[in-house]
Amino acid sequence: MLSLSDRCRPLYSKATKIINSSQTPLSATATHMARIAILGATGYTALELLKILARHPQAEVVAATTRQENKPLLSEVHPSLTGLFNLQCENLSAEQAGKLCDIAFCCLPHTASMEAIPQLLEAGCRVVDLSADYRLRDPGVYETWYEHVHTDPTRLSTAVYGLPEIYADRIPNAELVANPGCYTSTSILALAPLLQAKVIEPTGIIIDAKSGISGAGRTPKLSNLFSECNESVTAYSIGNHRHTPEIEQVLSDVCGADVQVAFNPHLMPMDRGIFCSIYPRLKATQTRGQLLEIYRSFYAGQPFIRIVDHIPNTKDVSYTNFCDISVRFNRDQLVVFAAIDNLIKGASGVAVQNMNIMLGLDQRTGMLLPD
């Protein structure tokens, strides 16, 4: 009979350049192996989390939950994990999962997370929530955009928005981190330096965003079928996409004034990736060199932001936690380009980045980096 530790320990260590936690001093909170639970282990974000955690030197996955009653192995739910974990997915309550772990990653759909998270916190663990349930501070705004009354509104004001490049000072002591959305991460990271420097207008910003199909999740939908989306590009949720208030909330924090964006998302016939072309209005003449220097100064020391000379490409960031950013001028119009992997920097990668900060580890711990 395998012990809990033996059942849950990753079975391999990938021979790729990985930042090990021993390369940087750890706080007292990171001196032991962190026990991890993943609620909602059957989706794409959970799969990417498990791939990262399998090589993480300070994390041990001790629980994975599903609504299925037959307790499938993780490798049955995600065949690509074959040989990496000896762990069954179990139909545990949030309270049961919370008592087993130090940190819980909540990969449940919105509205389901807000039911589970109070139980997780009361069980004594810390939480990184990958749903949208705790990203917006105003319960009225949440209700308007998600058409659901928030059942845990008092925690909205205390949850920390989990974009480390903006809120790193608040994350270390957070009990609840609200992981950002993929579109929002790309848009915010692309615009924050210019808004903080007050070189662009806070209104009239147009965000032309494109996403791979995996951004819609693993649940089958007619619009995501191969025969529907292959060889086709379409815009959707124009004027009412739920990431709009999230983008505006964070950028308003950065700017110190109300920011308004026109967010226009598109579905692309590719598996993964986010690419944004953003059109802000300059307040005064700036050279491309001056703008790039603003970005480099703002993101100095940030390991996952790359200010590049070329126009970013989704393939250059695929399967990484990087966000690539650059700027161009089209006549007098400034265009900001940014690209991320929607499942990594847009979800699971930044979730582990947040966990590392919570544990006092180097942000890069467990992350694959290029040679």
Protein backbone atom coordinates (compact mmCIF):
# COMPACT_ATOMS: atom_id res chain seq x y z
CA MET A 1 0.00 0.00 0.00
CA LEU A 2 1.53 3.31 -1.09
CA SER A 3 1.68 6.10 1.46
CA LEU A 4 0.03 9.43 0.72
CA SER A 5 3.48 10.89 0.06
CA ASP A 6 4.41 8.07 -2.34
CA ARG A 7 1.09 8.21 -4.18
CA CYS A 8 1.38 11.93 -4.84
CA ARG A 9 5.07 12.47 -5.53
CA PRO A 10 5.94 13.28 -9.15
CA LEU A 11 7.76 10.37 -10.75
CA TYR A 12 10.26 12.27 -12.85
CA SER A 13 12.40 15.37 -13.13
CA LYS A 14 12.64 16.79 -16.63
CA ALA A 15 16.18 17.33 -17.88
CA THR A 16 15.62 20.89 -19.03
CA LYS A 17 16.86 24.18 -17.62
CA ILE A 18 14.72 24.71 -14.51
CA ILE A 19 15.22 27.31 -11.82
CA ASN A 20 15.64 25.41 -8.55
CA SER A 21 14.59 27.04 -5.30
CA SER A 22 18.02 26.36 -3.81
CA GLN A 23 19.47 29.07 -6.04
CA THR A 24 17.94 31.80 -3.93
CA PRO A 25 17.43 32.20 -0.15
CA LEU A 26 14.04 30.99 1.05
CA SER A 27 11.85 32.43 3.74
CA ALA A 28 10.84 30.35 6.74
CA THR A 29 7.52 29.56 5.03
CA ALA A 30 9.32 27.73 2.24
CA THR A 31 11.53 25.38 4.27
CA HIS A 32 9.23 22.38 3.77
CA MET A 33 7.58 20.78 0.76
CA ALA A 34 4.33 22.66 0.10
CA ARG A 35 1.30 20.36 -0.09
CA ILE A 36 -0.87 21.23 -3.08
CA ALA A 37 -4.51 20.48 -3.91
CA ILE A 38 -6.08 21.12 -7.30
CA LEU A 39 -9.84 21.56 -7.34
CA GLY A 40 -11.33 20.83 -10.73
CA ALA A 41 -8.48 18.72 -12.07
CA THR A 42 -9.98 17.74 -15.43
CA GLY A 43 -9.56 20.99 -17.40
CA TYR A 44 -6.76 22.46 -19.51
CA THR A 45 -5.51 24.82 -16.79
CA ALA A 46 -5.29 21.96 -14.30
CA LEU A 47 -3.30 19.91 -16.82
CA GLU A 48 -0.80 22.73 -17.31
CA LEU A 49 -0.55 23.22 -13.54
CA LEU A 50 0.24 19.56 -13.05
CA LYS A 51 2.94 19.63 -15.72
CA ILE A 52 4.66 22.53 -13.95
CA LEU A 53 4.18 21.11 -10.45
CA ALA A 54 5.61 17.75 -11.52
CA ARG A 55 9.02 19.41 -11.85
CA HIS A 56 8.65 21.90 -8.97
CA PRO A 57 11.26 21.22 -6.24
CA GLN A 58 9.14 22.63 -3.39
CA ALA A 59 5.64 21.37 -4.28
CA GLU A 60 3.91 18.03 -3.75
CA VAL A 61 0.44 17.47 -5.21
CA VAL A 62 -1.55 15.65 -2.54
CA ALA A 63 -5.11 15.97 -3.85
CA ALA A 64 -6.94 16.45 -7.13
CA THR A 65 -10.70 16.74 -7.21
CA THR A 66 -13.36 15.86 -9.74
CA ARG A 67 -17.10 15.35 -9.70
CA GLN A 68 -16.63 11.87 -11.15
CA GLU A 69 -17.41 9.11 -8.67
CA ASN A 70 -15.13 6.41 -10.11
CA LYS A 71 -11.90 8.05 -8.85
CA PRO A 72 -9.97 8.04 -12.13
CA LEU A 73 -6.20 8.33 -12.14
CA LEU A 74 -4.83 11.66 -13.30
CA SER A 75 -3.26 9.77 -16.20
CA GLU A 76 -6.72 8.57 -17.25
CA VAL A 77 -8.09 12.10 -17.25
CA HIS A 78 -4.93 13.54 -18.86
CA PRO A 79 -3.04 10.80 -20.77
CA SER A 80 -0.02 13.09 -21.21
CA LEU A 81 0.57 12.73 -17.45
CA THR A 82 1.12 8.96 -17.73
CA GLY A 83 4.05 8.01 -15.54
CA LEU A 84 4.24 11.37 -13.79
CA PHE A 85 1.81 10.96 -10.87
CA ASN A 86 0.33 8.06 -8.88
CA LEU A 87 -2.73 10.05 -7.85
CA GLN A 88 -6.45 9.50 -8.15
CA CYS A 89 -8.95 12.27 -8.76
CA GLU A 90 -11.48 12.16 -5.95
CA ASN A 91 -14.86 13.75 -5.36
CA LEU A 92 -13.67 15.59 -2.25
CA SER A 93 -15.47 18.50 -0.67
CA ALA A 94 -13.64 21.82 -0.54
CA GLU A 95 -13.31 21.39 3.22
CA GLN A 96 -11.74 17.94 2.83
CA ALA A 97 -9.31 19.15 0.18
CA GLY A 98 -8.42 22.23 2.24
CA LYS A 99 -7.43 20.14 5.24
CA LEU A 100 -4.98 18.13 3.14
CA CYS A 101 -3.00 21.02 1.68
CA ASP A 102 -1.08 24.23 2.29
CA ILE A 103 -2.14 25.84 -1.00
CA ALA A 104 -5.17 25.04 -3.14
CA PHE A 105 -5.42 25.93 -6.81
CA CYS A 106 -9.08 26.42 -7.58
CA CYS A 107 -9.69 25.55 -11.26
CA LEU A 108 -13.46 25.54 -10.95
CA PRO A 109 -15.81 27.56 -13.18
CA HIS A 110 -16.91 31.01 -12.06
CA THR A 111 -19.79 30.90 -9.54
CA ALA A 112 -18.54 27.46 -8.40
CA SER A 113 -15.31 28.92 -6.99
CA MET A 114 -17.12 31.34 -4.69
CA GLU A 115 -18.91 28.37 -3.11
CA ALA A 116 -15.71 26.42 -2.52
CA ILE A 117 -13.22 29.11 -1.50
CA PRO A 118 -14.75 30.07 1.88
CA GLN A 119 -14.52 26.40 2.88
CA LEU A 120 -10.92 26.16 1.70
CA LEU A 121 -9.88 29.23 3.68
CA GLU A 122 -11.73 28.09 6.77
CA ALA A 123 -9.93 24.73 6.51
CA GLY A 124 -6.66 26.64 6.93
CA CYS A 125 -5.08 26.61 3.47
CA ARG A 126 -4.22 29.48 1.14
CA VAL A 127 -5.86 29.74 -2.25
CA VAL A 128 -4.95 30.72 -5.80
CA ASP A 129 -8.24 31.02 -7.67
CA LEU A 130 -8.11 30.65 -11.46
CA SER A 131 -11.76 31.60 -11.96
CA ALA A 132 -13.09 35.14 -12.29
CA ASP A 133 -14.97 35.09 -8.99
CA TYR A 134 -12.60 37.27 -6.95
CA ARG A 135 -11.01 39.50 -9.59
CA LEU A 136 -13.53 42.34 -9.41
CA ARG A 137 -13.73 44.33 -6.18
CA ASP A 138 -17.30 45.59 -6.59
CA PRO A 139 -19.98 42.88 -6.19
CA GLY A 140 -22.36 45.03 -8.24
CA VAL A 141 -19.92 45.08 -11.15
CA TYR A 142 -19.53 41.30 -10.84
CA GLU A 143 -23.29 40.81 -10.91
CA THR A 144 -23.66 43.07 -13.96
CA TRP A 145 -21.02 41.30 -16.04
CA TYR A 146 -21.47 37.72 -14.81
CA GLU A 147 -25.24 37.84 -14.26
CA HIS A 148 -24.93 36.18 -10.87
CA VAL A 149 -25.14 37.54 -7.33
CA HIS A 150 -21.82 37.12 -5.55
CA THR A 151 -22.28 34.92 -2.48
CA ASP A 152 -18.99 35.89 -0.81
CA PRO A 153 -18.83 39.66 -1.38
CA THR A 154 -16.86 40.58 1.74
CA ARG A 155 -13.75 38.81 0.42
CA LEU A 156 -13.71 40.80 -2.83
CA SER A 157 -12.01 43.72 -1.14
CA THR A 158 -9.32 41.54 0.49
CA ALA A 159 -8.48 39.19 -2.40
CA VAL A 160 -5.19 40.15 -4.07
CA TYR A 161 -5.15 40.40 -7.84
CA GLY A 162 -2.50 37.94 -8.93
CA LEU A 163 -0.51 39.80 -11.56
CA PRO A 164 2.98 39.80 -9.99
CA GLU A 165 4.38 42.50 -12.27
CA ILE A 166 1.82 44.93 -10.77
CA TYR A 167 0.91 43.62 -7.30
CA ALA A 168 4.00 41.66 -6.17
CA ASP A 169 4.15 43.56 -2.88
CA ARG A 170 0.69 42.33 -1.86
CA ILE A 171 0.99 38.69 -2.87
CA PRO A 172 3.46 37.31 -0.26
CA ASN A 173 1.01 37.56 2.66
CA ALA A 174 -2.20 36.96 0.71
CA GLU A 175 -4.58 34.24 1.83
CA LEU A 176 -6.54 34.48 -1.44
CA VAL A 177 -5.00 35.38 -4.78
CA ALA A 178 -7.31 36.03 -7.74
CA ASN A 179 -5.42 34.80 -10.79
CA PRO A 180 -5.91 37.13 -13.77
CA GLY A 181 -7.53 36.19 -17.05
CA CYS A 182 -5.47 35.55 -20.19
CA TYR A 183 -6.76 38.47 -22.25
CA THR A 184 -6.47 40.72 -19.22
CA SER A 185 -2.87 39.78 -18.45
CA THR A 186 -1.78 40.53 -22.01
CA SER A 187 -3.67 43.82 -22.21
CA ILE A 188 -2.64 45.07 -18.77
CA LEU A 189 1.03 44.20 -19.19
CA ALA A 190 1.07 45.92 -22.59
CA LEU A 191 -0.51 49.16 -21.34
CA ALA A 192 0.55 49.58 -17.70
CA PRO A 193 3.97 51.20 -18.31
CA LEU A 194 2.58 53.82 -20.68
CA LEU A 195 -0.33 54.67 -18.39
CA GLN A 196 1.88 54.96 -15.33
CA ALA A 197 4.23 57.24 -17.26
CA LYS A 198 1.16 59.22 -18.37
CA VAL A 199 2.30 59.36 -21.98
CA ILE A 200 -1.02 58.01 -23.35
CA GLU A 201 -4.62 59.03 -22.86
CA PRO A 202 -6.54 56.84 -20.38
CA THR A 203 -9.59 56.70 -22.66
CA GLY A 204 -10.10 55.84 -26.30
CA ILE A 205 -7.81 52.78 -26.08
CA ILE A 206 -8.66 50.06 -28.61
CA ILE A 207 -7.56 46.51 -27.82
CA ASP A 208 -7.70 44.12 -30.77
CA ALA A 209 -7.17 40.71 -29.16
CA LYS A 210 -6.94 37.21 -30.60
CA SER A 211 -7.06 33.91 -28.74
CA GLY A 212 -6.53 30.24 -29.46
CA ILE A 213 -9.41 27.80 -29.00
CA SER A 214 -8.15 26.46 -25.65
CA GLY A 215 -9.05 29.81 -24.10
CA ALA A 216 -12.67 28.65 -24.11
CA GLY A 217 -11.87 25.65 -21.92
CA ARG A 218 -12.25 21.91 -22.35
CA THR A 219 -16.04 21.64 -22.10
CA PRO A 220 -17.41 20.87 -25.59
CA LYS A 221 -19.23 23.76 -27.30
CA LEU A 222 -20.59 24.04 -30.82
CA SER A 223 -18.46 27.11 -31.60
CA ASN A 224 -15.28 25.23 -30.58
CA LEU A 225 -15.75 22.18 -32.79
CA PHE A 226 -13.00 21.69 -35.35
CA SER A 227 -15.38 22.00 -38.28
CA GLU A 228 -16.72 25.29 -36.88
CA CYS A 229 -13.49 27.11 -36.04
CA ASN A 230 -10.93 25.63 -38.44
CA GLU A 231 -10.11 27.94 -41.38
CA SER A 232 -12.19 30.67 -39.77
CA VAL A 233 -11.64 33.83 -37.73
CA THR A 234 -14.44 35.61 -35.94
CA ALA A 235 -14.98 38.35 -33.37
CA TYR A 236 -17.23 37.71 -30.39
CA SER A 237 -18.66 39.38 -27.27
CA ILE A 238 -18.07 42.83 -28.72
CA GLY A 239 -19.03 45.43 -26.13
CA ASN A 240 -19.83 42.90 -23.42
CA HIS A 241 -16.79 40.70 -22.87
CA ARG A 242 -16.34 39.96 -19.17
CA HIS A 243 -12.63 40.78 -19.17
CA THR A 244 -13.37 44.44 -19.92
CA PRO A 245 -14.04 45.60 -16.32
CA GLU A 246 -11.07 43.57 -15.09
CA ILE A 247 -8.73 45.32 -17.53
CA GLU A 248 -10.13 48.73 -16.63
CA GLN A 249 -9.98 48.11 -12.86
CA VAL A 250 -6.27 47.23 -12.82
CA LEU A 251 -5.20 49.86 -15.34
CA SER A 252 -7.08 52.49 -13.36
CA ASP A 253 -5.02 51.45 -10.31
CA VAL A 254 -1.83 51.87 -12.29
CA CYS A 255 -2.88 55.15 -13.90
CA GLY A 256 -4.49 56.80 -10.89
CA ALA A 257 -7.43 57.79 -13.10
CA ASP A 258 -10.36 56.03 -14.73
CA VAL A 259 -9.27 54.01 -17.75
CA GLN A 260 -11.69 53.02 -20.50
CA VAL A 261 -10.96 50.51 -23.23
CA ALA A 262 -12.78 49.15 -26.26
CA PHE A 263 -11.96 45.46 -26.00
CA ASN A 264 -12.51 43.44 -29.18
CA PRO A 265 -11.70 39.69 -28.85
CA HIS A 266 -11.35 37.28 -31.76
CA LEU A 267 -11.24 33.48 -31.92
CA MET A 268 -8.35 32.09 -33.98
CA PRO A 269 -7.97 28.59 -35.47
CA MET A 270 -5.00 27.64 -33.27
CA ASP A 271 -4.70 25.63 -30.07
CA ARG A 272 -3.14 28.22 -27.77
CA GLY A 273 -1.86 31.76 -27.57
CA ILE A 274 -3.01 35.36 -27.10
CA PHE A 275 -1.96 38.15 -29.43
CA CYS A 276 -2.97 41.78 -28.88
CA SER A 277 -2.61 44.78 -31.14
CA ILE A 278 -3.42 47.82 -29.02
CA TYR A 279 -4.06 51.37 -30.20
CA PRO A 280 -3.61 54.04 -27.51
CA ARG A 281 -3.46 57.80 -28.14
CA LEU A 282 -0.22 59.56 -27.26
CA LYS A 283 -0.48 62.78 -25.26
CA ALA A 284 2.64 64.21 -26.91
CA THR A 285 5.20 63.14 -29.46
CA GLN A 286 7.38 60.21 -28.38
CA THR A 287 9.98 58.24 -30.27
CA ARG A 288 9.90 54.47 -30.40
CA GLY A 289 13.17 54.42 -28.46
CA GLN A 290 11.71 56.56 -25.69
CA LEU A 291 8.67 54.29 -25.39
CA LEU A 292 10.75 51.13 -25.28
CA GLU A 293 12.86 52.66 -22.53
CA ILE A 294 9.68 53.29 -20.50
CA TYR A 295 8.87 49.59 -20.81
CA ARG A 296 12.38 48.45 -19.90
CA SER A 297 12.43 50.69 -16.84
CA PHE A 298 8.97 49.60 -15.67
CA TYR A 299 9.75 45.90 -16.04
CA ALA A 300 13.37 45.97 -14.84
CA GLY A 301 14.01 42.78 -12.88
CA GLN A 302 10.80 41.09 -14.00
CA PRO A 303 11.87 37.63 -15.18
CA PHE A 304 8.91 36.86 -17.43
CA ILE A 305 8.59 40.12 -19.38
CA ARG A 306 10.60 40.45 -22.58
CA ILE A 307 10.69 43.81 -24.35
CA VAL A 308 11.63 42.79 -27.87
CA ASP A 309 12.63 44.71 -30.98
CA HIS A 310 10.62 42.50 -33.34
CA ILE A 311 6.85 42.18 -33.47
CA PRO A 312 5.93 39.41 -30.98
CA ASN A 313 4.77 36.03 -32.20
CA THR A 314 2.56 33.55 -30.35
CA LYS A 315 4.90 30.67 -31.24
CA ASP A 316 7.77 32.45 -29.52
CA VAL A 317 5.94 32.32 -26.17
CA SER A 318 4.12 28.99 -26.54
CA TYR A 319 4.58 26.66 -23.54
CA THR A 320 6.38 29.42 -21.60
CA ASN A 321 5.50 31.96 -18.93
CA PHE A 322 6.84 34.86 -20.98
CA CYS A 323 5.01 37.94 -22.19
CA ASP A 324 6.67 39.52 -25.22
CA ILE A 325 5.96 43.22 -25.84
CA SER A 326 7.01 45.70 -28.53
CA VAL A 327 5.79 48.94 -30.12
CA ARG A 328 5.58 50.34 -33.62
CA PHE A 329 4.25 53.44 -35.32
CA ASN A 330 1.85 53.20 -38.23
CA ARG A 331 2.17 56.75 -39.53
CA ASP A 332 1.25 58.75 -36.40
CA GLN A 333 -0.65 55.93 -34.70
CA LEU A 334 1.14 54.10 -31.87
CA VAL A 335 0.56 50.35 -31.90
CA VAL A 336 1.52 48.16 -28.93
CA PHE A 337 1.94 44.44 -29.58
CA ALA A 338 1.92 41.74 -26.90
CA ALA A 339 1.80 37.94 -26.94
CA ILE A 340 1.49 35.22 -24.29
CA ASP A 341 0.56 31.56 -24.00
CA ASN A 342 -3.00 31.74 -22.70
CA LEU A 343 -2.68 28.51 -20.71
CA ILE A 344 0.68 29.38 -19.09
CA LYS A 345 1.24 33.12 -18.55
CA GLY A 346 -2.51 33.54 -19.00
CA ALA A 347 -3.44 30.94 -16.37
CA SER A 348 -1.35 28.12 -14.87
CA GLY A 349 2.13 29.60 -15.20
CA VAL A 350 1.24 32.83 -13.46
CA ALA A 351 -0.63 30.76 -10.84
CA VAL A 352 2.62 28.97 -9.97
CA GLN A 353 4.44 32.30 -10.14
CA ASN A 354 1.98 33.55 -7.51
CA MET A 355 2.44 30.42 -5.42
CA ASN A 356 6.21 30.89 -5.50
CA ILE A 357 5.85 34.44 -4.19
CA MET A 358 3.45 33.26 -1.48
CA LEU A 359 6.02 30.67 -0.38
CA GLY A 360 8.93 33.10 -0.44
CA LEU A 361 10.55 31.39 -3.42
CA ASP A 362 12.16 32.83 -6.52
CA GLN A 363 9.31 33.53 -8.97
CA ARG A 364 11.00 31.28 -11.53
CA THR A 365 11.11 28.18 -9.34
CA GLY A 366 9.96 25.14 -11.29
CA MET A 367 9.49 27.09 -14.52
CA LEU A 368 11.04 25.96 -17.77
CA LEU A 369 13.30 28.59 -19.26
CA PRO A 370 15.09 28.54 -22.61
CA ASP A 371 18.80 27.71 -22.69
